[in-house]
Amino acid sequence: MYGCRRGRYLRRASWRTRARLWDRVIDGHVMTPMQKIVGDNLRPVGGRDPYGVVQARATLVHRWDEERLPDLTRYFTKLTARASVTRVIDEAREYRHAFPLPWPDYAA
C-alpha cells in the first residue's frame, strides 16, 4: 500500500515529524510491552501472567531498530547528563527491581 512513497515521505520529513514518529514507535512498540512486564512484577505472585510476560519480552527484543541504536544511545547519554533527568533516575532507584531490563553500569 505504501511502497516507495512512504520511504520518500520519511526521508523528506521535518525533524519535528520524525521526532513525532519516533515518539509513536517508542510508545506503541516499546512502552506497551514494557508496561506489561513492569505491571506483572508489581502484582502479587499468585496473580502474575508468565505467558504474557514472555510474549512482551519477545516483542521488545524484536522491535529494536539496529540502524538507529547508536543514535538512541547517544540521545540517552545526552539525556542522562541533564540534572532533571538525573534527579528522576535517582528518585526511581528504589523501584528498579520491578523493571525487566538491566540498567547500564553508568546509571547505577
C-alpha atoms as a PDB file:
ATOM      1  CA  MET A   1       0.000   0.000   0.000  1.00  0.00           C
ATOM      2  CA  TYR A   2       2.715   2.495   0.939  1.00  0.00           C
ATOM      3  CA  GLY A   3       5.676   1.205  -1.010  1.00  0.00           C
ATOM      4  CA  CYS A   4       8.291   3.744  -2.095  1.00  0.00           C
ATOM      5  CA  ARG A   5       6.049   6.737  -1.490  1.00  0.00           C
ATOM      6  CA  ARG A   6       6.215   6.135   2.249  1.00  0.00           C
ATOM      7  CA  GLY A   7      10.005   5.971   2.226  1.00  0.00           C
ATOM      8  CA  ARG A   8      10.288   9.228   0.271  1.00  0.00           C
ATOM      9  CA  TYR A   9       7.956  10.924   2.729  1.00  0.00           C
ATOM     10  CA  LEU A  10      10.013   9.836   5.722  1.00  0.00           C
ATOM     11  CA  ARG A  11      13.278  10.981   4.116  1.00  0.00           C
ATOM     12  CA  ARG A  12      11.815  14.451   3.429  1.00  0.00           C
ATOM     13  CA  ALA A  13      10.015  14.773   6.765  1.00  0.00           C
ATOM     14  CA  SER A  14      10.994  17.585   9.092  1.00  0.00           C
ATOM     15  CA  TRP A  15      12.817  16.810  12.317  1.00  0.00           C
ATOM     16  CA  ARG A  16       9.574  17.525  14.179  1.00  0.00           C
ATOM     17  CA  THR A  17       7.704  14.943  12.133  1.00  0.00           C
ATOM     18  CA  ARG A  18      10.472  12.375  12.575  1.00  0.00           C
ATOM     19  CA  ALA A  19      10.527  13.053  16.332  1.00  0.00           C
ATOM     20  CA  ARG A  20       6.751  12.561  16.481  1.00  0.00           C
ATOM     21  CA  LEU A  21       7.016   9.305  14.514  1.00  0.00           C
ATOM     22  CA  TRP A  22       9.729   8.033  16.881  1.00  0.00           C
ATOM     23  CA  ASP A  23       7.529   9.012  19.811  1.00  0.00           C
ATOM     24  CA  ARG A  24       4.722   6.893  18.381  1.00  0.00           C
ATOM     25  CA  VAL A  25       7.066   3.968  17.684  1.00  0.00           C
ATOM     26  CA  ILE A  26       8.513   4.034  21.196  1.00  0.00           C
ATOM     27  CA  ASP A  27       5.107   4.495  22.798  1.00  0.00           C
ATOM     28  CA  GLY A  28       3.391   1.734  20.850  1.00  0.00           C
ATOM     29  CA  HIS A  29       6.158  -0.794  20.355  1.00  0.00           C
ATOM     30  CA  VAL A  30       8.411  -0.370  23.383  1.00  0.00           C
ATOM     31  CA  MET A  31       6.392   1.099  26.223  1.00  0.00           C
ATOM     32  CA  THR A  32       3.333  -1.129  25.790  1.00  0.00           C
ATOM     33  CA  PRO A  33       5.255  -4.397  26.277  1.00  0.00           C
ATOM     34  CA  MET A  34       7.392  -2.722  28.963  1.00  0.00           C
ATOM     35  CA  GLN A  35       4.254  -1.759  30.897  1.00  0.00           C
ATOM     36  CA  LYS A  36       3.094  -5.376  30.695  1.00  0.00           C
ATOM     37  CA  ILE A  37       6.345  -6.627  32.207  1.00  0.00           C
ATOM     38  CA  VAL A  38       6.594  -3.963  34.906  1.00  0.00           C
ATOM     39  CA  GLY A  39       2.911  -4.291  35.813  1.00  0.00           C
ATOM     40  CA  ASP A  40       3.332  -8.019  36.153  1.00  0.00           C
ATOM     41  CA  ASN A  41       6.288  -7.534  38.512  1.00  0.00           C
ATOM     42  CA  LEU A  42       4.106  -5.328  40.715  1.00  0.00           C
ATOM     43  CA  ARG A  43       1.333  -7.943  41.000  1.00  0.00           C
ATOM     44  CA  PRO A  44       1.151 -10.466  43.822  1.00  0.00           C
ATOM     45  CA  VAL A  45       2.836 -13.758  42.988  1.00  0.00           C
ATOM     46  CA  GLY A  46      -0.449 -15.631  42.537  1.00  0.00           C
ATOM     47  CA  GLY A  47      -1.848 -13.072  40.076  1.00  0.00           C
ATOM     48  CA  ARG A  48       1.029 -12.899  37.614  1.00  0.00           C
ATOM     49  CA  ASP A  49       0.847 -13.698  33.904  1.00  0.00           C
ATOM     50  CA  PRO A  50       4.060 -15.524  32.914  1.00  0.00           C
ATOM     51  CA  TYR A  51       2.869 -16.229  29.360  1.00  0.00           C
ATOM     52  CA  GLY A  52       2.071 -12.543  28.758  1.00  0.00           C
ATOM     53  CA  VAL A  53       5.479 -11.544  30.085  1.00  0.00           C
ATOM     54  CA  VAL A  54       7.236 -13.996  27.752  1.00  0.00           C
ATOM     55  CA  GLN A  55       5.310 -12.507  24.814  1.00  0.00           C
ATOM     56  CA  ALA A  56       6.127  -8.944  25.887  1.00  0.00           C
ATOM     57  CA  ARG A  57       9.840  -9.747  26.264  1.00  0.00           C
ATOM     58  CA  ALA A  58       9.909 -11.334  22.808  1.00  0.00           C
ATOM     59  CA  THR A  59       8.216  -8.259  21.356  1.00  0.00           C
ATOM     60  CA  LEU A  60      10.822  -5.960  22.927  1.00  0.00           C
ATOM     61  CA  VAL A  61      13.739  -7.983  21.572  1.00  0.00           C
ATOM     62  CA  HIS A  62      12.440  -7.956  18.006  1.00  0.00           C
ATOM     63  CA  ARG A  63      11.377  -4.307  17.841  1.00  0.00           C
ATOM     64  CA  TRP A  64      14.727  -2.531  18.175  1.00  0.00           C
ATOM     65  CA  ASP A  65      15.899  -0.801  15.025  1.00  0.00           C
ATOM     66  CA  GLU A  66      19.556  -1.798  14.919  1.00  0.00           C
ATOM     67  CA  GLU A  67      20.452   1.008  12.493  1.00  0.00           C
ATOM     68  CA  ARG A  68      19.124   3.625  14.911  1.00  0.00           C
ATOM     69  CA  LEU A  69      20.540   2.089  18.090  1.00  0.00           C
ATOM     70  CA  PRO A  70      23.721   4.242  18.086  1.00  0.00           C
ATOM     71  CA  ASP A  71      21.525   7.352  17.722  1.00  0.00           C
ATOM     72  CA  LEU A  72      19.336   6.225  20.613  1.00  0.00           C
ATOM     73  CA  THR A  73      22.377   5.507  22.764  1.00  0.00           C
ATOM     74  CA  ARG A  74      23.819   8.941  22.023  1.00  0.00           C
ATOM     75  CA  TYR A  75      20.459  10.564  22.816  1.00  0.00           C
ATOM     76  CA  PHE A  76      20.138   8.617  26.070  1.00  0.00           C
ATOM     77  CA  THR A  77      23.638   9.674  27.121  1.00  0.00           C
ATOM     78  CA  LYS A  78      22.830  13.338  26.487  1.00  0.00           C
ATOM     79  CA  LEU A  79      19.520  12.991  28.262  1.00  0.00           C
ATOM     80  CA  THR A  80      21.021  11.445  31.390  1.00  0.00           C
ATOM     81  CA  ALA A  81      23.516  14.321  31.596  1.00  0.00           C
ATOM     82  CA  ARG A  82      20.650  16.708  32.379  1.00  0.00           C
ATOM     83  CA  ALA A  83      20.172  17.481  36.071  1.00  0.00           C
ATOM     84  CA  SER A  84      16.403  16.976  35.917  1.00  0.00           C
ATOM     85  CA  VAL A  85      16.763  13.506  34.380  1.00  0.00           C
ATOM     86  CA  THR A  86      19.471  12.554  36.860  1.00  0.00           C
ATOM     87  CA  ARG A  87      17.131  13.540  39.700  1.00  0.00           C
ATOM     88  CA  VAL A  88      14.331  11.391  38.279  1.00  0.00           C
ATOM     89  CA  ILE A  89      16.678   8.419  37.904  1.00  0.00           C
ATOM     90  CA  ASP A  90      17.922   8.871  41.482  1.00  0.00           C
ATOM     91  CA  GLU A  91      14.368   9.036  42.836  1.00  0.00           C
ATOM     92  CA  ALA A  92      13.399   5.891  40.908  1.00  0.00           C
ATOM     93  CA  ARG A  93      16.262   3.712  42.167  1.00  0.00           C
ATOM     94  CA  GLU A  94      14.133   2.055  44.849  1.00  0.00           C
ATOM     95  CA  TYR A  95      11.785   0.729  42.113  1.00  0.00           C
ATOM     96  CA  ARG A  96      14.439  -0.744  39.794  1.00  0.00           C
ATOM     97  CA  HIS A  97      13.746  -4.273  40.976  1.00  0.00           C
ATOM     98  CA  ALA A  98      10.385  -4.079  39.180  1.00  0.00           C
ATOM     99  CA  PHE A  99      11.885  -3.264  35.772  1.00  0.00           C
ATOM    100  CA  PRO A 100      12.870  -6.089  33.462  1.00  0.00           C
ATOM    101  CA  LEU A 101      15.864  -4.747  31.576  1.00  0.00           C
ATOM    102  CA  PRO A 102      19.259  -4.333  33.183  1.00  0.00           C
ATOM    103  CA  TRP A 103      20.365  -0.787  33.963  1.00  0.00           C
ATOM    104  CA  PRO A 104      23.594   0.358  32.318  1.00  0.00           C
ATOM    105  CA  ASP A 105      26.614   0.459  34.620  1.00  0.00           C
ATOM    106  CA  TYR A 106      26.880   4.250  34.380  1.00  0.00           C
ATOM    107  CA  ALA A 107      23.281   4.652  35.652  1.00  0.00           C
ATOM    108  CA  ALA A 108      23.834   2.528  38.757  1.00  0.00           C
END
